[in-house]
C-alpha atoms as a PDB file:
ATOM      1  CA  MET A   1      18.650  -4.198  27.240  1.00  0.00           C
ATOM      2  CA  SER A   2      15.454  -2.198  26.804  1.00  0.00           C
ATOM      3  CA  ARG A   3      12.140  -3.991  27.162  1.00  0.00           C
ATOM      4  CA  ARG A   4       9.970  -4.534  24.132  1.00  0.00           C
ATOM      5  CA  PRO A   5       6.771  -2.505  24.024  1.00  0.00           C
ATOM      6  CA  THR A   6       3.460  -4.294  24.391  1.00  0.00           C
ATOM      7  CA  GLY A   7       0.684  -3.798  21.877  1.00  0.00           C
ATOM      8  CA  GLN A   8      -1.560  -5.505  19.361  1.00  0.00           C
ATOM      9  CA  CYS A   9       0.326  -7.665  16.890  1.00  0.00           C
ATOM     10  CA  ARG A  10      -0.785  -6.580  13.429  1.00  0.00           C
ATOM     11  CA  LEU A  11      -0.888 -10.161  12.158  1.00  0.00           C
ATOM     12  CA  CYS A  12      -2.468 -12.309  14.917  1.00  0.00           C
ATOM     13  CA  LEU A  13      -4.233  -9.311  16.562  1.00  0.00           C
ATOM     14  CA  GLN A  14      -3.203 -10.516  20.044  1.00  0.00           C
ATOM     15  CA  GLU A  15      -1.871  -8.203  22.768  1.00  0.00           C
ATOM     16  CA  ARG A  16       1.757  -9.242  23.068  1.00  0.00           C
ATOM     17  CA  SER A  17       5.312  -7.987  23.336  1.00  0.00           C
ATOM     18  CA  LEU A  18       6.243  -6.567  19.930  1.00  0.00           C
ATOM     19  CA  CYS A  19       9.451  -7.123  17.983  1.00  0.00           C
ATOM     20  CA  ARG A  20      11.359  -4.661  15.827  1.00  0.00           C
ATOM     21  CA  SER A  21       9.909  -5.932  12.545  1.00  0.00           C
ATOM     22  CA  HIS A  22      11.503  -4.945   9.272  1.00  0.00           C
ATOM     23  CA  ILE A  23       8.920  -3.832   6.715  1.00  0.00           C
ATOM     24  CA  ILE A  24      11.181  -4.961   3.904  1.00  0.00           C
ATOM     25  CA  PRO A  25      12.813  -8.222   5.065  1.00  0.00           C
ATOM     26  CA  ASP A  26      16.307  -7.864   6.425  1.00  0.00           C
ATOM     27  CA  PHE A  27      17.985 -10.082   3.836  1.00  0.00           C
ATOM     28  CA  MET A  28      16.786  -7.923   0.931  1.00  0.00           C
ATOM     29  CA  TYR A  29      19.213  -5.129   1.819  1.00  0.00           C
ATOM     30  CA  ARG A  30      21.985  -7.038   3.571  1.00  0.00           C
ATOM     31  CA  TYR A  31      23.790  -8.324   0.515  1.00  0.00           C
ATOM     32  CA  PHE A  32      27.545  -7.993   0.948  1.00  0.00           C
ATOM     33  CA  ASP A  33      30.118  -6.557  -1.424  1.00  0.00           C
ATOM     34  CA  ASP A  34      32.006  -9.513  -2.907  1.00  0.00           C
ATOM     35  CA  GLU A  35      35.309  -7.676  -3.164  1.00  0.00           C
ATOM     36  CA  LYS A  36      35.566  -5.895   0.189  1.00  0.00           C
ATOM     37  CA  GLY A  37      33.272  -8.035   2.322  1.00  0.00           C
ATOM     38  CA  GLU A  38      31.593  -4.907   3.690  1.00  0.00           C
ATOM     39  CA  PRO A  39      27.875  -4.074   3.868  1.00  0.00           C
ATOM     40  CA  ARG A  40      26.558  -2.136   0.904  1.00  0.00           C
ATOM     41  CA  GLN A  41      25.089   1.318   1.229  1.00  0.00           C
ATOM     42  CA  TYR A  42      21.561   1.394  -0.154  1.00  0.00           C
ATOM     43  CA  LEU A  43      19.682   4.176  -1.894  1.00  0.00           C
ATOM     44  CA  PHE A  44      16.133   4.632  -0.597  1.00  0.00           C
ATOM     45  CA  VAL A  45      14.483   6.518  -3.469  1.00  0.00           C
ATOM     46  CA  PRO A  46      11.134   8.265  -2.756  1.00  0.00           C
ATOM     47  CA  GLY A  47       8.487   8.496  -5.449  1.00  0.00           C
ATOM     48  CA  ASP A  48       8.209  12.263  -4.939  1.00  0.00           C
ATOM     49  CA  PRO A  49      11.176  13.957  -6.701  1.00  0.00           C
ATOM     50  CA  GLY A  50      11.037  16.726  -4.083  1.00  0.00           C
ATOM     51  CA  GLN A  51      11.834  14.333  -1.229  1.00  0.00           C
ATOM     52  CA  ARG A  52      15.367  13.518  -0.174  1.00  0.00           C
ATOM     53  CA  ILE A  53      17.065  10.308  -1.298  1.00  0.00           C
ATOM     54  CA  ARG A  54      18.466   8.491   1.730  1.00  0.00           C
ATOM     55  CA  ARG A  55      21.552   6.297   1.985  1.00  0.00           C
ATOM     56  CA  ALA A  56      21.579   3.621   4.664  1.00  0.00           C
ATOM     57  CA  GLN A  57      22.926   0.194   5.587  1.00  0.00           C
ATOM     58  CA  THR A  58      19.822  -0.803   7.512  1.00  0.00           C
ATOM     59  CA  GLY A  59      16.171  -0.878   6.598  1.00  0.00           C
ATOM     60  CA  ILE A  60      12.919   0.512   7.953  1.00  0.00           C
ATOM     61  CA  TRP A  61      11.383  -1.237  10.964  1.00  0.00           C
ATOM     62  CA  GLU A  62       8.412  -0.805  13.256  1.00  0.00           C
ATOM     63  CA  HIS A  63       7.096  -2.528  16.376  1.00  0.00           C
ATOM     64  CA  MET A  64       4.593  -4.526  14.331  1.00  0.00           C
ATOM     65  CA  LEU A  65       4.709  -8.270  15.069  1.00  0.00           C
ATOM     66  CA  CYS A  66       4.875 -10.521  18.108  1.00  0.00           C
ATOM     67  CA  GLN A  67       7.655 -13.092  18.355  1.00  0.00           C
ATOM     68  CA  LEU A  68       5.484 -15.982  17.135  1.00  0.00           C
ATOM     69  CA  CYS A  69       4.357 -14.084  14.013  1.00  0.00           C
ATOM     70  CA  GLU A  70       7.886 -12.829  13.397  1.00  0.00           C
ATOM     71  CA  GLU A  71       9.101 -16.427  13.395  1.00  0.00           C
ATOM     72  CA  GLN A  72       6.261 -17.454  11.080  1.00  0.00           C
ATOM     73  CA  LEU A  73       7.192 -14.836   8.475  1.00  0.00           C
ATOM     74  CA  ASN A  74      10.877 -15.650   8.910  1.00  0.00           C
ATOM     75  CA  ARG A  75      10.251 -19.133   7.496  1.00  0.00           C
ATOM     76  CA  TYR A  76       9.014 -17.634   4.241  1.00  0.00           C
ATOM     77  CA  GLU A  77      11.818 -15.087   4.192  1.00  0.00           C
ATOM     78  CA  THR A  78      14.412 -17.835   4.644  1.00  0.00           C
ATOM     79  CA  TYR A  79      13.003 -19.728   1.683  1.00  0.00           C
ATOM     80  CA  ALA A  80      12.815 -16.606  -0.514  1.00  0.00           C
ATOM     81  CA  LYS A  81      16.409 -15.697   0.351  1.00  0.00           C
ATOM     82  CA  ARG A  82      17.635 -19.140  -0.665  1.00  0.00           C
ATOM     83  CA  LEU A  83      15.660 -18.933  -3.888  1.00  0.00           C
ATOM     84  CA  LEU A  84      16.835 -15.422  -4.834  1.00  0.00           C
ATOM     85  CA  ASP A  85      20.407 -16.215  -3.812  1.00  0.00           C
ATOM     86  CA  THR A  86      20.233 -19.395  -5.956  1.00  0.00           C
ATOM     87  CA  GLU A  87      21.340 -21.532  -3.034  1.00  0.00           C
ATOM     88  CA  ASP A  88      21.036 -25.312  -3.041  1.00  0.00           C
ATOM     89  CA  LEU A  89      17.358 -25.810  -3.790  1.00  0.00           C
ATOM     90  CA  PRO A  90      15.762 -28.449  -6.066  1.00  0.00           C
ATOM     91  CA  ILE A  91      15.089 -25.922  -8.835  1.00  0.00           C
ATOM     92  CA  ASP A  92      15.077 -26.681 -12.568  1.00  0.00           C
ATOM     93  CA  VAL A  93      15.919 -23.972 -15.108  1.00  0.00           C
ATOM     94  CA  LEU A  94      13.464 -24.525 -17.951  1.00  0.00           C
ATOM     95  CA  SER A  95      14.554 -21.536 -20.010  1.00  0.00           C
ATOM     96  CA  ALA A  96      17.024 -18.676 -19.684  1.00  0.00           C
ATOM     97  CA  THR A  97      17.681 -15.880 -22.171  1.00  0.00           C
ATOM     98  CA  ASP A  98      18.887 -12.281 -22.010  1.00  0.00           C
ATOM     99  CA  ASP A  99      15.243 -11.195 -21.658  1.00  0.00           C
ATOM    100  CA  TYR A 100      13.617 -13.664 -19.289  1.00  0.00           C
ATOM    101  CA  GLY A 101      13.950 -16.825 -17.243  1.00  0.00           C
ATOM    102  CA  VAL A 102      11.616 -19.701 -16.340  1.00  0.00           C
ATOM    103  CA  ILE A 103      12.272 -22.024 -13.425  1.00  0.00           C
ATOM    104  CA  ALA A 104      10.364 -24.997 -12.007  1.00  0.00           C
ATOM    105  CA  GLY A 105      10.344 -26.714  -8.641  1.00  0.00           C
ATOM    106  CA  VAL A 106       9.514 -23.581  -6.644  1.00  0.00           C
ATOM    107  CA  ASP A 107       7.608 -24.188  -3.401  1.00  0.00           C
ATOM    108  CA  TYR A 108       4.413 -22.357  -4.376  1.00  0.00           C
ATOM    109  CA  SER A 109       3.072 -21.896  -0.858  1.00  0.00           C
ATOM    110  CA  MET A 110       6.365 -20.624   0.610  1.00  0.00           C
ATOM    111  CA  LEU A 111       7.101 -18.094  -2.125  1.00  0.00           C
ATOM    112  CA  LYS A 112       3.511 -16.926  -2.575  1.00  0.00           C
ATOM    113  CA  ILE A 113       3.036 -16.193   1.136  1.00  0.00           C
ATOM    114  CA  PHE A 114       6.388 -14.417   1.142  1.00  0.00           C
ATOM    115  CA  GLN A 115       5.186 -12.272  -1.768  1.00  0.00           C
ATOM    116  CA  ILE A 116       1.889 -11.302  -0.182  1.00  0.00           C
ATOM    117  CA  SER A 117       3.614 -10.656   3.162  1.00  0.00           C
ATOM    118  CA  LEU A 118       5.715  -7.995   1.412  1.00  0.00           C
ATOM    119  CA  LEU A 119       2.550  -6.386   0.111  1.00  0.00           C
ATOM    120  CA  TRP A 120       0.694  -6.583   3.436  1.00  0.00           C
ATOM    121  CA  ARG A 121       3.552  -5.198   5.534  1.00  0.00           C
ATOM    122  CA  ALA A 122       3.930  -2.190   3.245  1.00  0.00           C
ATOM    123  CA  GLY A 123       0.191  -1.596   3.496  1.00  0.00           C
ATOM    124  CA  VAL A 124       0.017  -1.612   7.304  1.00  0.00           C
ATOM    125  CA  ALA A 125       3.300   0.245   7.870  1.00  0.00           C
ATOM    126  CA  THR A 126       3.050   3.782   9.233  1.00  0.00           C
ATOM    127  CA  HIS A 127       6.445   4.973   7.969  1.00  0.00           C
ATOM    128  CA  GLY A 128       6.234   7.686   5.315  1.00  0.00           C
ATOM    129  CA  PHE A 129       8.279   5.628   2.845  1.00  0.00           C
ATOM    130  CA  PHE A 130       5.210   3.387   2.387  1.00  0.00           C
ATOM    131  CA  GLU A 131       2.573   6.131   2.359  1.00  0.00           C
ATOM    132  CA  HIS A 132       1.578   5.466  -1.254  1.00  0.00           C
ATOM    133  CA  VAL A 133       0.510   1.866  -0.597  1.00  0.00           C
ATOM    134  CA  ALA A 134      -3.270   1.827  -0.121  1.00  0.00           C
ATOM    135  CA  LEU A 135      -4.689  -1.686   0.340  1.00  0.00           C
ATOM    136  CA  GLY A 136      -8.201  -0.824   1.503  1.00  0.00           C
ATOM    137  CA  ASP A 137     -10.317  -3.919   2.127  1.00  0.00           C
ATOM    138  CA  HIS A 138      -7.517  -6.102   0.748  1.00  0.00           C
ATOM    139  CA  GLU A 139      -5.507  -5.483   3.917  1.00  0.00           C
ATOM    140  CA  GLU A 140      -7.706  -7.747   6.047  1.00  0.00           C
ATOM    141  CA  THR A 141      -7.944 -10.439   3.356  1.00  0.00           C
ATOM    142  CA  LEU A 142      -4.158 -10.512   3.087  1.00  0.00           C
ATOM    143  CA  ARG A 143      -3.772 -10.636   6.873  1.00  0.00           C
ATOM    144  CA  GLN A 144      -6.069 -13.646   7.118  1.00  0.00           C
ATOM    145  CA  MET A 145      -4.266 -15.432   4.273  1.00  0.00           C
ATOM    146  CA  ILE A 146      -0.849 -14.910   5.874  1.00  0.00           C
ATOM    147  CA  SER A 147      -2.004 -15.713   9.405  1.00  0.00           C
ATOM    148  CA  GLY A 148      -3.750 -18.850   8.184  1.00  0.00           C
ATOM    149  CA  GLU A 149      -0.780 -19.824   5.975  1.00  0.00           C
ATOM    150  CA  ASN A 150      -3.071 -19.849   2.976  1.00  0.00           C
ATOM    151  CA  PRO A 151      -1.368 -18.873  -0.312  1.00  0.00           C
ATOM    152  CA  GLY A 152      -4.651 -18.788  -2.208  1.00  0.00           C
ATOM    153  CA  PRO A 153      -4.968 -19.595  -5.922  1.00  0.00           C
ATOM    154  CA  ALA A 154      -2.314 -18.339  -8.319  1.00  0.00           C
ATOM    155  CA  HIS A 155      -4.410 -15.433  -9.652  1.00  0.00           C
ATOM    156  CA  GLN A 156      -5.191 -14.056  -6.183  1.00  0.00           C
ATOM    157  CA  TYR A 157      -2.834 -11.135  -5.461  1.00  0.00           C
ATOM    158  CA  ARG A 158      -0.611 -12.326  -8.268  1.00  0.00           C
ATOM    159  CA  CYS A 159       2.863 -10.851  -8.495  1.00  0.00           C
ATOM    160  CA  PHE A 160       4.885 -10.238 -11.631  1.00  0.00           C
ATOM    161  CA  MET A 161       8.660 -10.252 -11.076  1.00  0.00           C
ATOM    162  CA  SER A 162      11.434  -8.721 -13.135  1.00  0.00           C
ATOM    163  CA  ALA A 163      15.152  -8.791 -12.369  1.00  0.00           C
ATOM    164  CA  ILE A 164      16.588  -5.286 -12.773  1.00  0.00           C
ATOM    165  CA  ILE A 165      19.980  -5.132 -14.457  1.00  0.00           C
ATOM    166  CA  ASP A 166      22.313  -2.251 -15.228  1.00  0.00           C
ATOM    167  CA  GLY A 167      22.798  -3.048 -18.901  1.00  0.00           C
ATOM    168  CA  LYS A 168      25.765  -5.326 -18.188  1.00  0.00           C
ATOM    169  CA  SER A 169      23.743  -8.256 -16.831  1.00  0.00           C
ATOM    170  CA  ARG A 170      24.488  -7.214 -13.237  1.00  0.00           C
ATOM    171  CA  GLU A 171      21.567  -7.027 -10.836  1.00  0.00           C
ATOM    172  CA  LEU A 172      21.016  -3.687  -9.123  1.00  0.00           C
ATOM    173  CA  LEU A 173      20.869  -4.896  -5.521  1.00  0.00           C
ATOM    174  CA  ASP A 174      21.438  -1.531  -3.857  1.00  0.00           C
ATOM    175  CA  LEU A 175      18.329   0.312  -5.051  1.00  0.00           C
ATOM    176  CA  ILE A 176      15.094   0.460  -3.045  1.00  0.00           C
ATOM    177  CA  HIS A 177      12.330   2.548  -4.635  1.00  0.00           C
ATOM    178  CA  THR A 178       9.296   3.627  -2.649  1.00  0.00           C
ATOM    179  CA  PRO A 179       6.298   1.327  -3.250  1.00  0.00           C
ATOM    180  CA  GLU A 180       3.502   2.967  -5.218  1.00  0.00           C
ATOM    181  CA  THR A 181      -0.128   2.156  -6.023  1.00  0.00           C
ATOM    182  CA  LEU A 182      -0.910   2.381  -9.747  1.00  0.00           C
ATOM    183  CA  ASP A 183      -3.955   1.948 -11.970  1.00  0.00           C
ATOM    184  CA  ILE A 184      -3.058  -0.312 -14.886  1.00  0.00           C
ATOM    185  CA  ASP A 185      -5.827  -1.332 -17.303  1.00  0.00           C
ATOM    186  CA  GLY A 186      -8.457  -0.582 -14.674  1.00  0.00           C
ATOM    187  CA  LEU A 187      -6.841  -2.722 -11.963  1.00  0.00           C
ATOM    188  CA  LEU A 188      -4.909  -1.410  -8.970  1.00  0.00           C
ATOM    189  CA  HIS A 189      -1.302  -2.555  -8.781  1.00  0.00           C
ATOM    190  CA  VAL A 190       1.406  -2.006  -6.158  1.00  0.00           C
ATOM    191  CA  ARG A 191       4.970  -1.668  -7.433  1.00  0.00           C
ATOM    192  CA  PHE A 192       8.133  -2.367  -5.414  1.00  0.00           C
ATOM    193  CA  VAL A 193      11.794  -2.180  -6.369  1.00  0.00           C
ATOM    194  CA  VAL A 194      13.957  -4.040  -3.851  1.00  0.00           C
ATOM    195  CA  GLY A 195      16.464  -6.885  -3.698  1.00  0.00           C
ATOM    196  CA  GLY A 196      17.418  -6.535  -7.362  1.00  0.00           C
ATOM    197  CA  PHE A 197      13.833  -7.133  -8.519  1.00  0.00           C
ATOM    198  CA  LEU A 198      10.781  -5.179  -9.549  1.00  0.00           C
ATOM    199  CA  TRP A 199       7.726  -6.699  -7.858  1.00  0.00           C
ATOM    200  CA  LEU A 200       4.354  -5.773  -9.379  1.00  0.00           C
ATOM    201  CA  PHE A 201       1.334  -6.944  -7.376  1.00  0.00           C
ATOM    202  CA  VAL A 202      -2.240  -6.976  -8.673  1.00  0.00           C
ATOM    203  CA  LEU A 203      -4.696  -5.899  -5.963  1.00  0.00           C
ATOM    204  CA  SER A 204      -7.359  -8.360  -6.989  1.00  0.00           C
ATOM    205  CA  ASP A 205      -8.563 -11.775  -5.904  1.00  0.00           C
ATOM    206  CA  GLU A 206     -10.257 -12.380  -9.265  1.00  0.00           C
ATOM    207  CA  PRO A 207      -8.681 -13.489 -12.561  1.00  0.00           C
ATOM    208  CA  SER A 208      -8.591 -11.014 -15.431  1.00  0.00           C
ATOM    209  CA  LYS A 209      -9.339 -11.522 -19.131  1.00  0.00           C
ATOM    210  CA  GLU A 210      -6.040  -9.777 -19.833  1.00  0.00           C
ATOM    211  CA  ASP A 211      -4.095 -12.250 -17.704  1.00  0.00           C
ATOM    212  CA  VAL A 212      -1.212 -14.304 -19.015  1.00  0.00           C
ATOM    213  CA  PRO A 213      -1.062 -16.868 -16.192  1.00  0.00           C
ATOM    214  CA  GLN A 214       2.362 -18.130 -17.232  1.00  0.00           C
ATOM    215  CA  MET A 215       3.808 -14.731 -16.238  1.00  0.00           C
ATOM    216  CA  TYR A 216       3.321 -15.154 -12.496  1.00  0.00           C
ATOM    217  CA  LEU A 217       3.990 -17.892  -9.945  1.00  0.00           C
ATOM    218  CA  GLN A 218       1.954 -20.999 -10.685  1.00  0.00           C
ATOM    219  CA  GLU A 219       0.634 -23.595  -8.270  1.00  0.00           C
ATOM    220  CA  ASN A 220       2.722 -26.248 -10.040  1.00  0.00           C
ATOM    221  CA  GLY A 221       5.870 -24.426  -8.910  1.00  0.00           C
ATOM    222  CA  GLN A 222       6.717 -22.731 -12.197  1.00  0.00           C
ATOM    223  CA  LEU A 223       7.987 -19.140 -12.018  1.00  0.00           C
ATOM    224  CA  PHE A 224       8.523 -16.757 -14.920  1.00  0.00           C
ATOM    225  CA  PHE A 225      10.499 -13.534 -14.538  1.00  0.00           C
ATOM    226  CA  LEU A 226      11.609 -10.852 -16.927  1.00  0.00           C
ATOM    227  CA  LYS A 227      14.994  -9.147 -17.063  1.00  0.00           C
ATOM    228  CA  SER A 228      14.625  -5.371 -17.306  1.00  0.00           C
ATOM    229  CA  ASP A 229      17.384  -2.891 -18.128  1.00  0.00           C
ATOM    230  CA  VAL A 230      17.153  -0.071 -15.583  1.00  0.00           C
ATOM    231  CA  ARG A 231      17.402   2.442 -18.436  1.00  0.00           C
ATOM    232  CA  GLN A 232      14.021   1.229 -19.689  1.00  0.00           C
ATOM    233  CA  LEU A 233      12.290   1.910 -16.350  1.00  0.00           C
ATOM    234  CA  SER A 234      11.280   5.562 -16.645  1.00  0.00           C
ATOM    235  CA  PHE A 235      10.079   5.908 -13.029  1.00  0.00           C
ATOM    236  CA  ILE A 236      13.597   5.021 -11.876  1.00  0.00           C
ATOM    237  CA  MET A 237      15.361   7.069 -14.523  1.00  0.00           C
ATOM    238  CA  ARG A 238      13.457  10.177 -13.413  1.00  0.00           C
ATOM    239  CA  SER A 239      15.210   9.799 -10.051  1.00  0.00           C
ATOM    240  CA  ILE A 240      18.729   9.504 -11.493  1.00  0.00           C
ATOM    241  CA  PRO A 241      19.569  13.268 -11.488  1.00  0.00           C
ATOM    242  CA  ALA A 242      18.608  13.524  -7.814  1.00  0.00           C
ATOM    243  CA  MET A 243      20.550  10.337  -7.052  1.00  0.00           C
ATOM    244  CA  ARG A 244      23.652  11.773  -8.726  1.00  0.00           C
ATOM    245  CA  ALA A 245      23.305  15.030  -6.802  1.00  0.00           C
ATOM    246  CA  ARG A 246      22.928  13.136  -3.533  1.00  0.00           C
ATOM    247  CA  TYR A 247      26.004  11.036  -4.369  1.00  0.00           C
ATOM    248  CA  ARG A 248      28.075  14.182  -5.007  1.00  0.00           C
ATOM    249  CA  ASP A 249      26.923  15.639  -1.659  1.00  0.00           C
ATOM    250  CA  VAL A 250      27.937  12.474   0.195  1.00  0.00           C
ATOM    251  CA  MET A 251      31.334  12.335  -1.526  1.00  0.00           C
ATOM    252  CA  ALA A 252      31.982  16.015  -0.711  1.00  0.00           C
ATOM    253  CA  LEU A 253      31.250  15.410   2.980  1.00  0.00           C
ATOM    254  CA  LEU A 254      33.537  12.365   3.049  1.00  0.00           C
ATOM    255  CA  THR A 255      36.328  14.367   1.388  1.00  0.00           C
ATOM    256  CA  LYS A 256      36.044  17.135   3.987  1.00  0.00           C
ATOM    257  CA  LYS A 257      36.092  14.559   6.781  1.00  0.00           C
ATOM    258  CA  ARG A 258      39.257  12.930   5.416  1.00  0.00           C
ATOM    259  CA  GLN A 259      40.930  16.322   5.118  1.00  0.00           C
ATOM    260  CA  ARG A 260      40.167  17.164   8.766  1.00  0.00           C
ATOM    261  CA  GLU A 261      41.433  13.848  10.186  1.00  0.00           C
ATOM    262  CA  PRO A 262      45.212  14.473   9.645  1.00  0.00           C
ATOM    263  CA  GLU A 263      44.898  17.928  11.241  1.00  0.00           C
ATOM    264  CA  ALA A 264      43.107  16.447  14.257  1.00  0.00           C
ATOM    265  CA  ARG A 265      45.867  13.837  14.697  1.00  0.00           C
ATOM    266  CA  LYS A 266      48.555  16.541  14.564  1.00  0.00           C
ATOM    267  CA  ARG A 267      46.841  18.594  17.277  1.00  0.00           C
ATOM    268  CA  GLY A 268      46.348  15.585  19.490  1.00  0.00           C
ATOM    269  CA  PRO A 269      43.615  15.006  22.099  1.00  0.00           C
ATOM    270  CA  GLY A 270      42.239  17.987  23.962  1.00  0.00           C
ATOM    271  CA  GLN A 271      43.819  20.557  21.636  1.00  0.00           C
END
């Protein structure tokens, strides 16, 4: 087994052996197909239409965190996975319609630190898939909050969540869109699409007059989320033609491979 490299952990800033840290947590792209029991293939969709769409069963990782910090973030990831997978948690459904849902009983600290860890990891990552995430001075503030296990007040780096469905009430779990930094109403936002959700972070530690506090995670454990039809998300729909073309290319290669296999068996080894 190869030795881990040594370097500065991006979270605790100590010189330590570094783990292979997933930028997007492992569980967010390791959902399994219910019918076949096999790992899904995911579409990594870049924001630039000229860049290639990539299919993969594993995510993007870097040597970023030491073992202690990896374990710290894993606690938040474990909680978020249970929440998003609707496992046995003391959660109350206050309201549920075709357009939105409201739940109560969420562990504010656990989910909020998970949210901001997503944002921070994308900001410090060096992989080109995250090149459009620019945190500036917020990077250090986020690092200190995560390292100190401080979720901050609800308005600080608030995150709006929306479940993405395909028009038939099925979540689109196999789509990962490159995170992007956007200017919305004079405030910088960072937008993710991963794990069947759109995550929209506000890069601000101050409340806004335009805020509707009920629309993001509250300190009392209440969480509101929208349900968005993918056909209404223009930034995703612009990628559909390229996604279809990529799909046809992959299917053509698989067809050629299947056609060659019987011929190879007939010839036998070494022929």
